[in-house]
Amino acid sequence: MHEVEAFIYELEDNQRELMLYFHELLCSQPHVTAKIRYRVPFYYRKSWICYLSPKKGDRIEVCFIRANELSNEQGVLDFKDRTQVAGIELGSVSEIPEEAVYEVIQEALLLDDVTPYRGPKWKK
């Protein structure tokens, strides 16, 4: 069993179901791989695309590393006072806005393909 799948299967029912949904969706994309980093699953192609973060109350958040560079035309990304990372917090599979989530994932993958990630821009 892959380290990410082992991590997911240790979660409670609802979080496990949500994490498995996103793990399978992300890993079905060409050249996307998953690794545990900072104690959560991260998904890569050329660089970090997103990560899945378990939250309190049996919820998860799908966080996009370069969300500040995404259009968010779908209106599903929440920055929560963050400047670069934004996510979609969900409590059940039935809450997933599938079309919008798929569009955000595709845009994030396209961004990863065409624009190299240079990391956060720190103010000096």
PDB file of N, CA and C in Angstrom:
ATOM      1  N   MET A   1       0.851  -1.187   0.000  1.00  0.00           N
ATOM      2  CA  MET A   1       0.000   0.000   0.000  1.00  0.00           C
ATOM      3  C   MET A   1       0.893   1.245   0.000  1.00  0.00           C
ATOM      4  N   HIS A   2       0.532   2.197  -0.794  1.00  0.00           N
ATOM      5  CA  HIS A   2       1.259   3.460  -0.916  1.00  0.00           C
ATOM      6  C   HIS A   2       1.134   4.250   0.384  1.00  0.00           C
ATOM      7  N   GLU A   3       2.157   5.050   0.723  1.00  0.00           N
ATOM      8  CA  GLU A   3       2.157   5.810   1.978  1.00  0.00           C
ATOM      9  C   GLU A   3       0.958   6.752   2.096  1.00  0.00           C
ATOM     10  N   VAL A   4       0.521   7.331   0.980  1.00  0.00           N
ATOM     11  CA  VAL A   4      -0.632   8.238   1.012  1.00  0.00           C
ATOM     12  C   VAL A   4      -1.907   7.449   1.299  1.00  0.00           C
ATOM     13  N   GLU A   5      -2.062   6.296   0.668  1.00  0.00           N
ATOM     14  CA  GLU A   5      -3.244   5.468   0.926  1.00  0.00           C
ATOM     15  C   GLU A   5      -3.266   4.989   2.376  1.00  0.00           C
ATOM     16  N   ALA A   6      -2.113   4.635   2.912  1.00  0.00           N
ATOM     17  CA  ALA A   6      -2.038   4.218   4.319  1.00  0.00           C
ATOM     18  C   ALA A   6      -2.481   5.366   5.229  1.00  0.00           C
ATOM     19  N   PHE A   7      -2.036   6.582   4.928  1.00  0.00           N
ATOM     20  CA  PHE A   7      -2.442   7.765   5.689  1.00  0.00           C
ATOM     21  C   PHE A   7      -3.961   7.923   5.631  1.00  0.00           C
ATOM     22  N   ILE A   8      -4.527   7.828   4.439  1.00  0.00           N
ATOM     23  CA  ILE A   8      -5.968   8.031   4.249  1.00  0.00           C
ATOM     24  C   ILE A   8      -6.779   6.981   4.996  1.00  0.00           C
ATOM     25  N   TYR A   9      -6.350   5.718   4.947  1.00  0.00           N
ATOM     26  CA  TYR A   9      -7.115   4.651   5.597  1.00  0.00           C
ATOM     27  C   TYR A   9      -7.076   4.725   7.117  1.00  0.00           C
ATOM     28  N   GLU A  10      -6.181   5.535   7.684  1.00  0.00           N
ATOM     29  CA  GLU A  10      -6.156   5.734   9.140  1.00  0.00           C
ATOM     30  C   GLU A  10      -7.178   6.772   9.606  1.00  0.00           C
ATOM     31  N   LEU A  11      -7.777   7.511   8.682  1.00  0.00           N
ATOM     32  CA  LEU A  11      -8.737   8.562   9.021  1.00  0.00           C
ATOM     33  C   LEU A  11     -10.113   7.982   9.328  1.00  0.00           C
ATOM     34  N   GLU A  12     -10.959   8.802   9.951  1.00  0.00           N
ATOM     35  CA  GLU A  12     -12.333   8.408  10.244  1.00  0.00           C
ATOM     36  C   GLU A  12     -13.129   8.323   8.937  1.00  0.00           C
ATOM     37  N   ASP A  13     -14.298   7.703   9.004  1.00  0.00           N
ATOM     38  CA  ASP A  13     -15.109   7.381   7.823  1.00  0.00           C
ATOM     39  C   ASP A  13     -15.302   8.530   6.840  1.00  0.00           C
ATOM     40  N   ASN A  14     -15.841   9.648   7.306  1.00  0.00           N
ATOM     41  CA  ASN A  14     -16.176  10.752   6.408  1.00  0.00           C
ATOM     42  C   ASN A  14     -14.929  11.368   5.783  1.00  0.00           C
ATOM     43  N   GLN A  15     -13.918  11.619   6.609  1.00  0.00           N
ATOM     44  CA  GLN A  15     -12.675  12.170   6.077  1.00  0.00           C
ATOM     45  C   GLN A  15     -12.026  11.185   5.105  1.00  0.00           C
ATOM     46  N   ARG A  16     -12.071   9.906   5.440  1.00  0.00           N
ATOM     47  CA  ARG A  16     -11.496   8.880   4.570  1.00  0.00           C
ATOM     48  C   ARG A  16     -12.185   8.892   3.208  1.00  0.00           C
ATOM     49  N   GLU A  17     -13.502   8.965   3.212  1.00  0.00           N
ATOM     50  CA  GLU A  17     -14.256   8.969   1.955  1.00  0.00           C
ATOM     51  C   GLU A  17     -13.896  10.189   1.096  1.00  0.00           C
ATOM     52  N   LEU A  18     -13.832  11.364   1.714  1.00  0.00           N
ATOM     53  CA  LEU A  18     -13.461  12.587   0.984  1.00  0.00           C
ATOM     54  C   LEU A  18     -12.027  12.517   0.463  1.00  0.00           C
ATOM     55  N   MET A  19     -11.106  12.104   1.323  1.00  0.00           N
ATOM     56  CA  MET A  19      -9.703  12.036   0.922  1.00  0.00           C
ATOM     57  C   MET A  19      -9.507  11.023  -0.203  1.00  0.00           C
ATOM     58  N   LEU A  20     -10.186   9.879  -0.133  1.00  0.00           N
ATOM     59  CA  LEU A  20     -10.076   8.884  -1.204  1.00  0.00           C
ATOM     60  C   LEU A  20     -10.612   9.430  -2.517  1.00  0.00           C
ATOM     61  N   TYR A  21     -11.717  10.153  -2.448  1.00  0.00           N
ATOM     62  CA  TYR A  21     -12.289  10.759  -3.657  1.00  0.00           C
ATOM     63  C   TYR A  21     -11.251  11.656  -4.338  1.00  0.00           C
ATOM     64  N   PHE A  22     -10.646  12.569  -3.574  1.00  0.00           N
ATOM     65  CA  PHE A  22      -9.683  13.502  -4.154  1.00  0.00           C
ATOM     66  C   PHE A  22      -8.370  12.815  -4.526  1.00  0.00           C
ATOM     67  N   HIS A  23      -7.952  11.843  -3.734  1.00  0.00           N
ATOM     68  CA  HIS A  23      -6.726  11.107  -4.059  1.00  0.00           C
ATOM     69  C   HIS A  23      -6.884  10.412  -5.418  1.00  0.00           C
ATOM     70  N   GLU A  24      -8.001   9.729  -5.603  1.00  0.00           N
ATOM     71  CA  GLU A  24      -8.230   9.031  -6.872  1.00  0.00           C
ATOM     72  C   GLU A  24      -8.372  10.017  -8.029  1.00  0.00           C
ATOM     73  N   LEU A  25      -9.076  11.125  -7.806  1.00  0.00           N
ATOM     74  CA  LEU A  25      -9.242  12.130  -8.856  1.00  0.00           C
ATOM     75  C   LEU A  25      -7.888  12.718  -9.258  1.00  0.00           C
ATOM     76  N   LEU A  26      -7.083  13.100  -8.284  1.00  0.00           N
ATOM     77  CA  LEU A  26      -5.795  13.723  -8.575  1.00  0.00           C
ATOM     78  C   LEU A  26      -4.819  12.733  -9.200  1.00  0.00           C
ATOM     79  N   CYS A  27      -4.781  11.518  -8.684  1.00  0.00           N
ATOM     80  CA  CYS A  27      -3.850  10.527  -9.224  1.00  0.00           C
ATOM     81  C   CYS A  27      -4.264  10.019 -10.599  1.00  0.00           C
ATOM     82  N   SER A  28      -5.502  10.275 -11.006  1.00  0.00           N
ATOM     83  CA  SER A  28      -5.946   9.871 -12.345  1.00  0.00           C
ATOM     84  C   SER A  28      -5.491  10.865 -13.410  1.00  0.00           C
ATOM     85  N   GLN A  29      -4.968  12.007 -12.984  1.00  0.00           N
ATOM     86  CA  GLN A  29      -4.468  13.017 -13.925  1.00  0.00           C
ATOM     87  C   GLN A  29      -3.077  12.602 -14.408  1.00  0.00           C
ATOM     88  N   PRO A  30      -2.748  12.868 -15.674  1.00  0.00           N
ATOM     89  CA  PRO A  30      -1.455  12.441 -16.209  1.00  0.00           C
ATOM     90  C   PRO A  30      -0.272  13.002 -15.411  1.00  0.00           C
ATOM     91  N   HIS A  31       0.651  12.101 -15.082  1.00  0.00           N
ATOM     92  CA  HIS A  31       1.933  12.432 -14.454  1.00  0.00           C
ATOM     93  C   HIS A  31       1.815  13.034 -13.053  1.00  0.00           C
ATOM     94  N   VAL A  32       0.671  12.894 -12.395  1.00  0.00           N
ATOM     95  CA  VAL A  32       0.530  13.393 -11.020  1.00  0.00           C
ATOM     96  C   VAL A  32       0.917  12.274 -10.058  1.00  0.00           C
ATOM     97  N   THR A  33       1.761  12.618  -9.096  1.00  0.00           N
ATOM     98  CA  THR A  33       2.162  11.668  -8.069  1.00  0.00           C
ATOM     99  C   THR A  33       1.834  12.244  -6.695  1.00  0.00           C
ATOM    100  N   ALA A  34       1.744  11.362  -5.722  1.00  0.00           N
ATOM    101  CA  ALA A  34       1.394  11.772  -4.361  1.00  0.00           C
ATOM    102  C   ALA A  34       2.488  11.349  -3.394  1.00  0.00           C
ATOM    103  N   LYS A  35       2.754  12.208  -2.414  1.00  0.00           N
ATOM    104  CA  LYS A  35       3.729  11.928  -1.355  1.00  0.00           C
ATOM    105  C   LYS A  35       3.234  12.579  -0.073  1.00  0.00           C
ATOM    106  N   ILE A  36       3.612  11.982   1.039  1.00  0.00           N
ATOM    107  CA  ILE A  36       3.328  12.607   2.334  1.00  0.00           C
ATOM    108  C   ILE A  36       4.428  13.634   2.609  1.00  0.00           C
ATOM    109  N   ARG A  37       4.031  14.877   2.820  1.00  0.00           N
ATOM    110  CA  ARG A  37       4.937  15.954   3.182  1.00  0.00           C
ATOM    111  C   ARG A  37       4.239  16.767   4.271  1.00  0.00           C
ATOM    112  N   TYR A  38       4.971  17.189   5.258  1.00  0.00           N
ATOM    113  CA  TYR A  38       4.399  17.973   6.361  1.00  0.00           C
ATOM    114  C   TYR A  38       3.186  17.266   6.976  1.00  0.00           C
ATOM    115  N   ARG A  39       3.233  15.953   6.998  1.00  0.00           N
ATOM    116  CA  ARG A  39       2.218  15.080   7.601  1.00  0.00           C
ATOM    117  C   ARG A  39       0.869  15.083   6.880  1.00  0.00           C
ATOM    118  N   VAL A  40       0.821  15.498   5.624  1.00  0.00           N
ATOM    119  CA  VAL A  40      -0.403  15.432   4.814  1.00  0.00           C
ATOM    120  C   VAL A  40      -0.041  15.033   3.379  1.00  0.00           C
ATOM    121  N   PRO A  41      -1.013  14.524   2.599  1.00  0.00           N
ATOM    122  CA  PRO A  41      -0.737  14.161   1.207  1.00  0.00           C
ATOM    123  C   PRO A  41      -0.579  15.397   0.311  1.00  0.00           C
ATOM    124  N   PHE A  42       0.529  15.454  -0.410  1.00  0.00           N
ATOM    125  CA  PHE A  42       0.792  16.485  -1.417  1.00  0.00           C
ATOM    126  C   PHE A  42       0.765  15.835  -2.786  1.00  0.00           C
ATOM    127  N   TYR A  43       0.317  16.582  -3.774  1.00  0.00           N
ATOM    128  CA  TYR A  43       0.222  16.082  -5.142  1.00  0.00           C
ATOM    129  C   TYR A  43       1.096  16.945  -6.042  1.00  0.00           C
ATOM    130  N   TYR A  44       1.932  16.265  -6.848  1.00  0.00           N
ATOM    131  CA  TYR A  44       2.966  16.904  -7.659  1.00  0.00           C
ATOM    132  C   TYR A  44       2.795  16.564  -9.135  1.00  0.00           C
ATOM    133  N   ARG A  45       3.288  17.406  -9.975  1.00  0.00           N
ATOM    134  CA  ARG A  45       3.581  17.088 -11.363  1.00  0.00           C
ATOM    135  C   ARG A  45       5.015  17.578 -11.554  1.00  0.00           C
ATOM    136  N   LYS A  46       5.207  18.801 -12.007  1.00  0.00           N
ATOM    137  CA  LYS A  46       6.550  19.384 -12.043  1.00  0.00           C
ATOM    138  C   LYS A  46       6.890  19.964 -10.668  1.00  0.00           C
ATOM    139  N   SER A  47       5.891  20.481  -9.990  1.00  0.00           N
ATOM    140  CA  SER A  47       6.049  21.041  -8.649  1.00  0.00           C
ATOM    141  C   SER A  47       4.762  20.756  -7.869  1.00  0.00           C
ATOM    142  N   TRP A  48       4.651  21.302  -6.680  1.00  0.00           N
ATOM    143  CA  TRP A  48       3.462  21.083  -5.860  1.00  0.00           C
ATOM    144  C   TRP A  48       2.235  21.668  -6.540  1.00  0.00           C
ATOM    145  N   ILE A  49       1.173  20.895  -6.605  1.00  0.00           N
ATOM    146  CA  ILE A  49      -0.106  21.341  -7.160  1.00  0.00           C
ATOM    147  C   ILE A  49      -1.064  21.680  -6.018  1.00  0.00           C
ATOM    148  N   CYS A  50      -1.253  20.696  -5.140  1.00  0.00           N
ATOM    149  CA  CYS A  50      -2.190  20.883  -4.022  1.00  0.00           C
ATOM    150  C   CYS A  50      -1.880  19.878  -2.929  1.00  0.00           C
ATOM    151  N   TYR A  51      -2.582  20.019  -1.814  1.00  0.00           N
ATOM    152  CA  TYR A  51      -2.496  19.040  -0.739  1.00  0.00           C
ATOM    153  C   TYR A  51      -3.867  18.877  -0.110  1.00  0.00           C
ATOM    154  N   LEU A  52      -4.047  17.757   0.596  1.00  0.00           N
ATOM    155  CA  LEU A  52      -5.300  17.454   1.288  1.00  0.00           C
ATOM    156  C   LEU A  52      -5.050  17.553   2.778  1.00  0.00           C
ATOM    157  N   SER A  53      -5.840  18.360   3.445  1.00  0.00           N
ATOM    158  CA  SER A  53      -5.639  18.606   4.858  1.00  0.00           C
ATOM    159  C   SER A  53      -6.876  18.216   5.672  1.00  0.00           C
ATOM    160  N   PRO A  54      -6.764  17.220   6.565  1.00  0.00           N
ATOM    161  CA  PRO A  54      -7.887  16.896   7.446  1.00  0.00           C
ATOM    162  C   PRO A  54      -8.149  18.059   8.399  1.00  0.00           C
ATOM    163  N   LYS A  55      -9.414  18.359   8.636  1.00  0.00           N
ATOM    164  CA  LYS A  55      -9.812  19.455   9.521  1.00  0.00           C
ATOM    165  C   LYS A  55     -10.657  18.906  10.663  1.00  0.00           C
ATOM    166  N   LYS A  56     -10.847  19.725  11.684  1.00  0.00           N
ATOM    167  CA  LYS A  56     -11.724  19.342  12.787  1.00  0.00           C
ATOM    168  C   LYS A  56     -13.151  19.219  12.287  1.00  0.00           C
ATOM    169  N   GLY A  57     -13.926  18.445  12.989  1.00  0.00           N
ATOM    170  CA  GLY A  57     -15.327  18.310  12.633  1.00  0.00           C
ATOM    171  C   GLY A  57     -15.549  17.406  11.439  1.00  0.00           C
ATOM    172  N   ASP A  58     -14.627  16.448  11.207  1.00  0.00           N
ATOM    173  CA  ASP A  58     -14.801  15.460  10.149  1.00  0.00           C
ATOM    174  C   ASP A  58     -14.794  16.078   8.749  1.00  0.00           C
ATOM    175  N   ARG A  59     -14.068  17.178   8.577  1.00  0.00           N
ATOM    176  CA  ARG A  59     -13.997  17.882   7.298  1.00  0.00           C
ATOM    177  C   ARG A  59     -12.587  17.757   6.720  1.00  0.00           C
ATOM    178  N   ILE A  60     -12.436  18.112   5.459  1.00  0.00           N
ATOM    179  CA  ILE A  60     -11.115  18.218   4.856  1.00  0.00           C
ATOM    180  C   ILE A  60     -11.058  19.515   4.053  1.00  0.00           C
ATOM    181  N   GLU A  61      -9.830  19.941   3.728  1.00  0.00           N
ATOM    182  CA  GLU A  61      -9.647  21.074   2.849  1.00  0.00           C
ATOM    183  C   GLU A  61      -8.693  20.657   1.737  1.00  0.00           C
ATOM    184  N   VAL A  62      -9.084  20.918   0.494  1.00  0.00           N
ATOM    185  CA  VAL A  62      -8.225  20.714  -0.664  1.00  0.00           C
ATOM    186  C   VAL A  62      -7.571  22.061  -0.921  1.00  0.00           C
ATOM    187  N   CYS A  63      -6.255  22.144  -0.669  1.00  0.00           N
ATOM    188  CA  CYS A  63      -5.541  23.417  -0.747  1.00  0.00           C
ATOM    189  C   CYS A  63      -4.651  23.464  -1.977  1.00  0.00           C
ATOM    190  N   PHE A  64      -4.793  24.522  -2.745  1.00  0.00           N
ATOM    191  CA  PHE A  64      -3.997  24.716  -3.953  1.00  0.00           C
ATOM    192  C   PHE A  64      -2.844  25.651  -3.639  1.00  0.00           C
ATOM    193  N   ILE A  65      -1.626  25.178  -3.872  1.00  0.00           N
ATOM    194  CA  ILE A  65      -0.413  25.891  -3.496  1.00  0.00           C
ATOM    195  C   ILE A  65      -0.299  27.246  -4.198  1.00  0.00           C
ATOM    196  N   ARG A  66      -0.651  27.310  -5.471  1.00  0.00           N
ATOM    197  CA  ARG A  66      -0.488  28.542  -6.252  1.00  0.00           C
ATOM    198  C   ARG A  66      -1.842  29.188  -6.549  1.00  0.00           C
ATOM    199  N   ALA A  67      -2.736  29.149  -5.600  1.00  0.00           N
ATOM    200  CA  ALA A  67      -4.092  29.666  -5.794  1.00  0.00           C
ATOM    201  C   ALA A  67      -4.111  31.138  -6.155  1.00  0.00           C
ATOM    202  N   ASN A  68      -3.133  31.888  -5.667  1.00  0.00           N
ATOM    203  CA  ASN A  68      -3.075  33.317  -5.986  1.00  0.00           C
ATOM    204  C   ASN A  68      -2.827  33.557  -7.475  1.00  0.00           C
ATOM    205  N   GLU A  69      -2.402  32.527  -8.203  1.00  0.00           N
ATOM    206  CA  GLU A  69      -2.181  32.634  -9.640  1.00  0.00           C
ATOM    207  C   GLU A  69      -3.330  32.037 -10.449  1.00  0.00           C
ATOM    208  N   LEU A  70      -4.316  31.464  -9.780  1.00  0.00           N
ATOM    209  CA  LEU A  70      -5.470  30.865 -10.458  1.00  0.00           C
ATOM    210  C   LEU A  70      -6.580  31.904 -10.605  1.00  0.00           C
ATOM    211  N   SER A  71      -7.466  31.685 -11.565  1.00  0.00           N
ATOM    212  CA  SER A  71      -8.527  32.662 -11.838  1.00  0.00           C
ATOM    213  C   SER A  71      -9.631  32.649 -10.784  1.00  0.00           C
ATOM    214  N   ASN A  72      -9.933  31.490 -10.223  1.00  0.00           N
ATOM    215  CA  ASN A  72     -11.053  31.295  -9.297  1.00  0.00           C
ATOM    216  C   ASN A  72     -12.367  31.786  -9.901  1.00  0.00           C
ATOM    217  N   GLU A  73     -12.524  31.632 -11.195  1.00  0.00           N
ATOM    218  CA  GLU A  73     -13.787  31.989 -11.859  1.00  0.00           C
ATOM    219  C   GLU A  73     -14.957  31.207 -11.279  1.00  0.00           C
ATOM    220  N   GLN A  74     -14.679  30.031 -10.751  1.00  0.00           N
ATOM    221  CA  GLN A  74     -15.721  29.179 -10.178  1.00  0.00           C
ATOM    222  C   GLN A  74     -16.179  29.681  -8.814  1.00  0.00           C
ATOM    223  N   GLY A  75     -15.366  30.508  -8.166  1.00  0.00           N
ATOM    224  CA  GLY A  75     -15.709  31.071  -6.869  1.00  0.00           C
ATOM    225  C   GLY A  75     -15.660  30.087  -5.721  1.00  0.00           C
ATOM    226  N   VAL A  76     -14.923  28.985  -5.858  1.00  0.00           N
ATOM    227  CA  VAL A  76     -14.900  27.968  -4.809  1.00  0.00           C
ATOM    228  C   VAL A  76     -13.685  28.048  -3.892  1.00  0.00           C
ATOM    229  N   LEU A  77     -12.661  28.813  -4.289  1.00  0.00           N
ATOM    230  CA  LEU A  77     -11.443  28.895  -3.480  1.00  0.00           C
ATOM    231  C   LEU A  77     -11.580  29.939  -2.374  1.00  0.00           C
ATOM    232  N   ASP A  78     -11.189  29.548  -1.154  1.00  0.00           N
ATOM    233  CA  ASP A  78     -11.246  30.435   0.005  1.00  0.00           C
ATOM    234  C   ASP A  78      -9.822  30.625   0.520  1.00  0.00           C
ATOM    235  N   PHE A  79      -9.341  31.871   0.540  1.00  0.00           N
ATOM    236  CA  PHE A  79      -7.971  32.146   0.967  1.00  0.00           C
ATOM    237  C   PHE A  79      -7.807  32.150   2.489  1.00  0.00           C
ATOM    238  N   LYS A  80      -8.857  32.353   3.251  1.00  0.00           N
ATOM    239  CA  LYS A  80      -8.806  32.331   4.725  1.00  0.00           C
ATOM    240  C   LYS A  80      -7.623  33.136   5.272  1.00  0.00           C
ATOM    241  N   ASP A  81      -7.480  34.369   4.850  1.00  0.00           N
ATOM    242  CA  ASP A  81      -6.393  35.247   5.282  1.00  0.00           C
ATOM    243  C   ASP A  81      -5.005  34.776   4.851  1.00  0.00           C
ATOM    244  N   ARG A  82      -4.942  33.883   3.881  1.00  0.00           N
ATOM    245  CA  ARG A  82      -3.656  33.463   3.313  1.00  0.00           C
ATOM    246  C   ARG A  82      -3.457  34.230   2.015  1.00  0.00           C
ATOM    247  N   THR A  83      -2.221  34.456   1.629  1.00  0.00           N
ATOM    248  CA  THR A  83      -1.958  35.245   0.419  1.00  0.00           C
ATOM    249  C   THR A  83      -1.685  34.393  -0.806  1.00  0.00           C
ATOM    250  N   GLN A  84      -1.189  33.179  -0.633  1.00  0.00           N
ATOM    251  CA  GLN A  84      -0.841  32.337  -1.774  1.00  0.00           C
ATOM    252  C   GLN A  84      -1.734  31.115  -1.877  1.00  0.00           C
ATOM    253  N   VAL A  85      -1.927  30.420  -0.787  1.00  0.00           N
ATOM    254  CA  VAL A  85      -2.686  29.174  -0.758  1.00  0.00           C
ATOM    255  C   VAL A  85      -4.160  29.467  -0.508  1.00  0.00           C
ATOM    256  N   ALA A  86      -5.016  28.766  -1.253  1.00  0.00           N
ATOM    257  CA  ALA A  86      -6.464  28.834  -1.013  1.00  0.00           C
ATOM    258  C   ALA A  86      -7.007  27.416  -1.141  1.00  0.00           C
ATOM    259  N   GLY A  87      -8.142  27.192  -0.524  1.00  0.00           N
ATOM    260  CA  GLY A  87      -8.682  25.842  -0.542  1.00  0.00           C
ATOM    261  C   GLY A  87     -10.182  25.790  -0.642  1.00  0.00           C
ATOM    262  N   ILE A  88     -10.636  24.566  -0.727  1.00  0.00           N
ATOM    263  CA  ILE A  88     -12.058  24.246  -0.751  1.00  0.00           C
ATOM    264  C   ILE A  88     -12.297  23.326   0.429  1.00  0.00           C
ATOM    265  N   GLU A  89     -13.049  23.782   1.428  1.00  0.00           N
ATOM    266  CA  GLU A  89     -13.320  22.965   2.608  1.00  0.00           C
ATOM    267  C   GLU A  89     -14.649  22.255   2.428  1.00  0.00           C
ATOM    268  N   LEU A  90     -14.636  20.956   2.718  1.00  0.00           N
ATOM    269  CA  LEU A  90     -15.818  20.119   2.494  1.00  0.00           C
ATOM    270  C   LEU A  90     -16.059  19.191   3.671  1.00  0.00           C
ATOM    271  N   GLY A  91     -17.326  18.853   3.877  1.00  0.00           N
ATOM    272  CA  GLY A  91     -17.698  17.952   4.954  1.00  0.00           C
ATOM    273  C   GLY A  91     -18.225  16.614   4.496  1.00  0.00           C
ATOM    274  N   SER A  92     -18.569  16.501   3.202  1.00  0.00           N
ATOM    275  CA  SER A  92     -19.044  15.218   2.674  1.00  0.00           C
ATOM    276  C   SER A  92     -18.869  15.196   1.159  1.00  0.00           C
ATOM    277  N   VAL A  93     -18.859  14.009   0.605  1.00  0.00           N
ATOM    278  CA  VAL A  93     -18.710  13.853  -0.839  1.00  0.00           C
ATOM    279  C   VAL A  93     -19.879  14.506  -1.570  1.00  0.00           C
ATOM    280  N   SER A  94     -21.055  14.488  -0.965  1.00  0.00           N
ATOM    281  CA  SER A  94     -22.229  15.083  -1.628  1.00  0.00           C
ATOM    282  C   SER A  94     -22.114  16.604  -1.762  1.00  0.00           C
ATOM    283  N   GLU A  95     -21.225  17.242  -0.963  1.00  0.00           N
ATOM    284  CA  GLU A  95     -21.015  18.695  -1.032  1.00  0.00           C
ATOM    285  C   GLU A  95     -20.093  19.118  -2.168  1.00  0.00           C
ATOM    286  N   ILE A  96     -19.388  18.166  -2.771  1.00  0.00           N
ATOM    287  CA  ILE A  96     -18.356  18.498  -3.753  1.00  0.00           C
ATOM    288  C   ILE A  96     -18.983  19.089  -5.012  1.00  0.00           C
ATOM    289  N   PRO A  97     -18.606  20.330  -5.363  1.00  0.00           N
ATOM    290  CA  PRO A  97     -19.041  20.897  -6.645  1.00  0.00           C
ATOM    291  C   PRO A  97     -18.119  20.333  -7.735  1.00  0.00           C
ATOM    292  N   GLU A  98     -18.456  19.143  -8.223  1.00  0.00           N
ATOM    293  CA  GLU A  98     -17.556  18.364  -9.061  1.00  0.00           C
ATOM    294  C   GLU A  98     -17.012  19.128 -10.265  1.00  0.00           C
ATOM    295  N   GLU A  99     -17.876  19.784 -11.005  1.00  0.00           N
ATOM    296  CA  GLU A  99     -17.433  20.486 -12.208  1.00  0.00           C
ATOM    297  C   GLU A  99     -16.464  21.614 -11.857  1.00  0.00           C
ATOM    298  N   ALA A 100     -16.798  22.394 -10.834  1.00  0.00           N
ATOM    299  CA  ALA A 100     -15.941  23.506 -10.423  1.00  0.00           C
ATOM    300  C   ALA A 100     -14.593  22.998  -9.912  1.00  0.00           C
ATOM    301  N   VAL A 101     -14.603  21.949  -9.124  1.00  0.00           N
ATOM    302  CA  VAL A 101     -13.363  21.389  -8.590  1.00  0.00           C
ATOM    303  C   VAL A 101     -12.494  20.867  -9.729  1.00  0.00           C
ATOM    304  N   TYR A 102     -13.101  20.176 -10.664  1.00  0.00           N
ATOM    305  CA  TYR A 102     -12.350  19.640 -11.799  1.00  0.00           C
ATOM    306  C   TYR A 102     -11.706  20.779 -12.603  1.00  0.00           C
ATOM    307  N   GLU A 103     -12.450  21.863 -12.798  1.00  0.00           N
ATOM    308  CA  GLU A 103     -11.909  23.019 -13.534  1.00  0.00           C
ATOM    309  C   GLU A 103     -10.720  23.635 -12.799  1.00  0.00           C
ATOM    310  N   VAL A 104     -10.815  23.772 -11.478  1.00  0.00           N
ATOM    311  CA  VAL A 104      -9.717  24.336 -10.689  1.00  0.00           C
ATOM    312  C   VAL A 104      -8.490  23.424 -10.794  1.00  0.00           C
ATOM    313  N   ILE A 105      -8.693  22.117 -10.690  1.00  0.00           N
ATOM    314  CA  ILE A 105      -7.581  21.171 -10.797  1.00  0.00           C
ATOM    315  C   ILE A 105      -6.922  21.286 -12.173  1.00  0.00           C
ATOM    316  N   GLN A 106      -7.724  21.348 -13.224  1.00  0.00           N
ATOM    317  CA  GLN A 106      -7.168  21.450 -14.570  1.00  0.00           C
ATOM    318  C   GLN A 106      -6.384  22.752 -14.744  1.00  0.00           C
ATOM    319  N   GLU A 107      -6.898  23.844 -14.196  1.00  0.00           N
ATOM    320  CA  GLU A 107      -6.198  25.120 -14.293  1.00  0.00           C
ATOM    321  C   GLU A 107      -4.879  25.070 -13.515  1.00  0.00           C
ATOM    322  N   ALA A 108      -4.889  24.448 -12.341  1.00  0.00           N
ATOM    323  CA  ALA A 108      -3.669  24.316 -11.535  1.00  0.00           C
ATOM    324  C   ALA A 108      -2.632  23.458 -12.255  1.00  0.00           C
ATOM    325  N   LEU A 109      -3.076  22.394 -12.914  1.00  0.00           N
ATOM    326  CA  LEU A 109      -2.154  21.543 -13.667  1.00  0.00           C
ATOM    327  C   LEU A 109      -1.577  22.282 -14.868  1.00  0.00           C
ATOM    328  N   LEU A 110      -2.414  23.044 -15.557  1.00  0.00           N
ATOM    329  CA  LEU A 110      -1.947  23.830 -16.690  1.00  0.00           C
ATOM    330  C   LEU A 110      -0.917  24.866 -16.234  1.00  0.00           C
ATOM    331  N   LEU A 111      -1.204  25.543 -15.141  1.00  0.00           N
ATOM    332  CA  LEU A 111      -0.268  26.518 -14.585  1.00  0.00           C
ATOM    333  C   LEU A 111       1.071  25.852 -14.276  1.00  0.00           C
ATOM    334  N   ASP A 112       1.026  24.658 -13.684  1.00  0.00           N
ATOM    335  CA  ASP A 112       2.247  23.926 -13.361  1.00  0.00           C
ATOM    336  C   ASP A 112       3.027  23.573 -14.626  1.00  0.00           C
ATOM    337  N   ASP A 113       2.322  23.272 -15.706  1.00  0.00           N
ATOM    338  CA  ASP A 113       2.976  22.916 -16.965  1.00  0.00           C
ATOM    339  C   ASP A 113       3.642  24.101 -17.652  1.00  0.00           C
ATOM    340  N   VAL A 114       3.008  25.264 -17.616  1.00  0.00           N
ATOM    341  CA  VAL A 114       3.485  26.387 -18.435  1.00  0.00           C
ATOM    342  C   VAL A 114       4.300  27.439 -17.676  1.00  0.00           C
ATOM    343  N   THR A 115       4.142  27.513 -16.357  1.00  0.00           N
ATOM    344  CA  THR A 115       4.851  28.541 -15.582  1.00  0.00           C
ATOM    345  C   THR A 115       5.586  27.877 -14.427  1.00  0.00           C
ATOM    346  N   PRO A 116       6.917  27.880 -14.461  1.00  0.00           N
ATOM    347  CA  PRO A 116       7.666  27.249 -13.366  1.00  0.00           C
ATOM    348  C   PRO A 116       7.354  27.910 -12.023  1.00  0.00           C
ATOM    349  N   TYR A 117       7.253  27.089 -10.995  1.00  0.00           N
ATOM    350  CA  TYR A 117       7.001  27.592  -9.647  1.00  0.00           C
ATOM    351  C   TYR A 117       8.301  28.114  -9.060  1.00  0.00           C
ATOM    352  N   ARG A 118       8.275  29.316  -8.549  1.00  0.00           N
ATOM    353  CA  ARG A 118       9.473  29.922  -7.988  1.00  0.00           C
ATOM    354  C   ARG A 118       9.384  30.096  -6.472  1.00  0.00           C
ATOM    355  N   GLY A 119       8.342  29.588  -5.859  1.00  0.00           N
ATOM    356  CA  GLY A 119       8.185  29.721  -4.419  1.00  0.00           C
ATOM    357  C   GLY A 119       7.553  31.041  -4.050  1.00  0.00           C
ATOM    358  N   PRO A 120       7.225  31.215  -2.785  1.00  0.00           N
ATOM    359  CA  PRO A 120       6.597  32.482  -2.359  1.00  0.00           C
ATOM    360  C   PRO A 120       7.567  33.646  -2.494  1.00  0.00           C
ATOM    361  N   LYS A 121       7.015  34.788  -2.782  1.00  0.00           N
ATOM    362  CA  LYS A 121       7.818  36.006  -2.911  1.00  0.00           C
ATOM    363  C   LYS A 121       7.828  36.694  -1.551  1.00  0.00           C
ATOM    364  N   TRP A 122       8.950  36.600  -0.863  1.00  0.00           N
ATOM    365  CA  TRP A 122       9.071  37.172   0.467  1.00  0.00           C
ATOM    366  C   TRP A 122       9.486  38.638   0.362  1.00  0.00           C
ATOM    367  N   LYS A 123       8.874  39.439   1.183  1.00  0.00           N
ATOM    368  CA  LYS A 123       9.236  40.864   1.239  1.00  0.00           C
ATOM    369  C   LYS A 123      10.501  41.002   2.081  1.00  0.00           C
ATOM    370  N   LYS A 124      11.395  41.858   1.627  1.00  0.00           N
ATOM    371  CA  LYS A 124      12.651  42.046   2.372  1.00  0.00           C
ATOM    372  C   LYS A 124      12.590  43.328   3.153  1.00  0.00           C
TER     373      LYS A 124
END
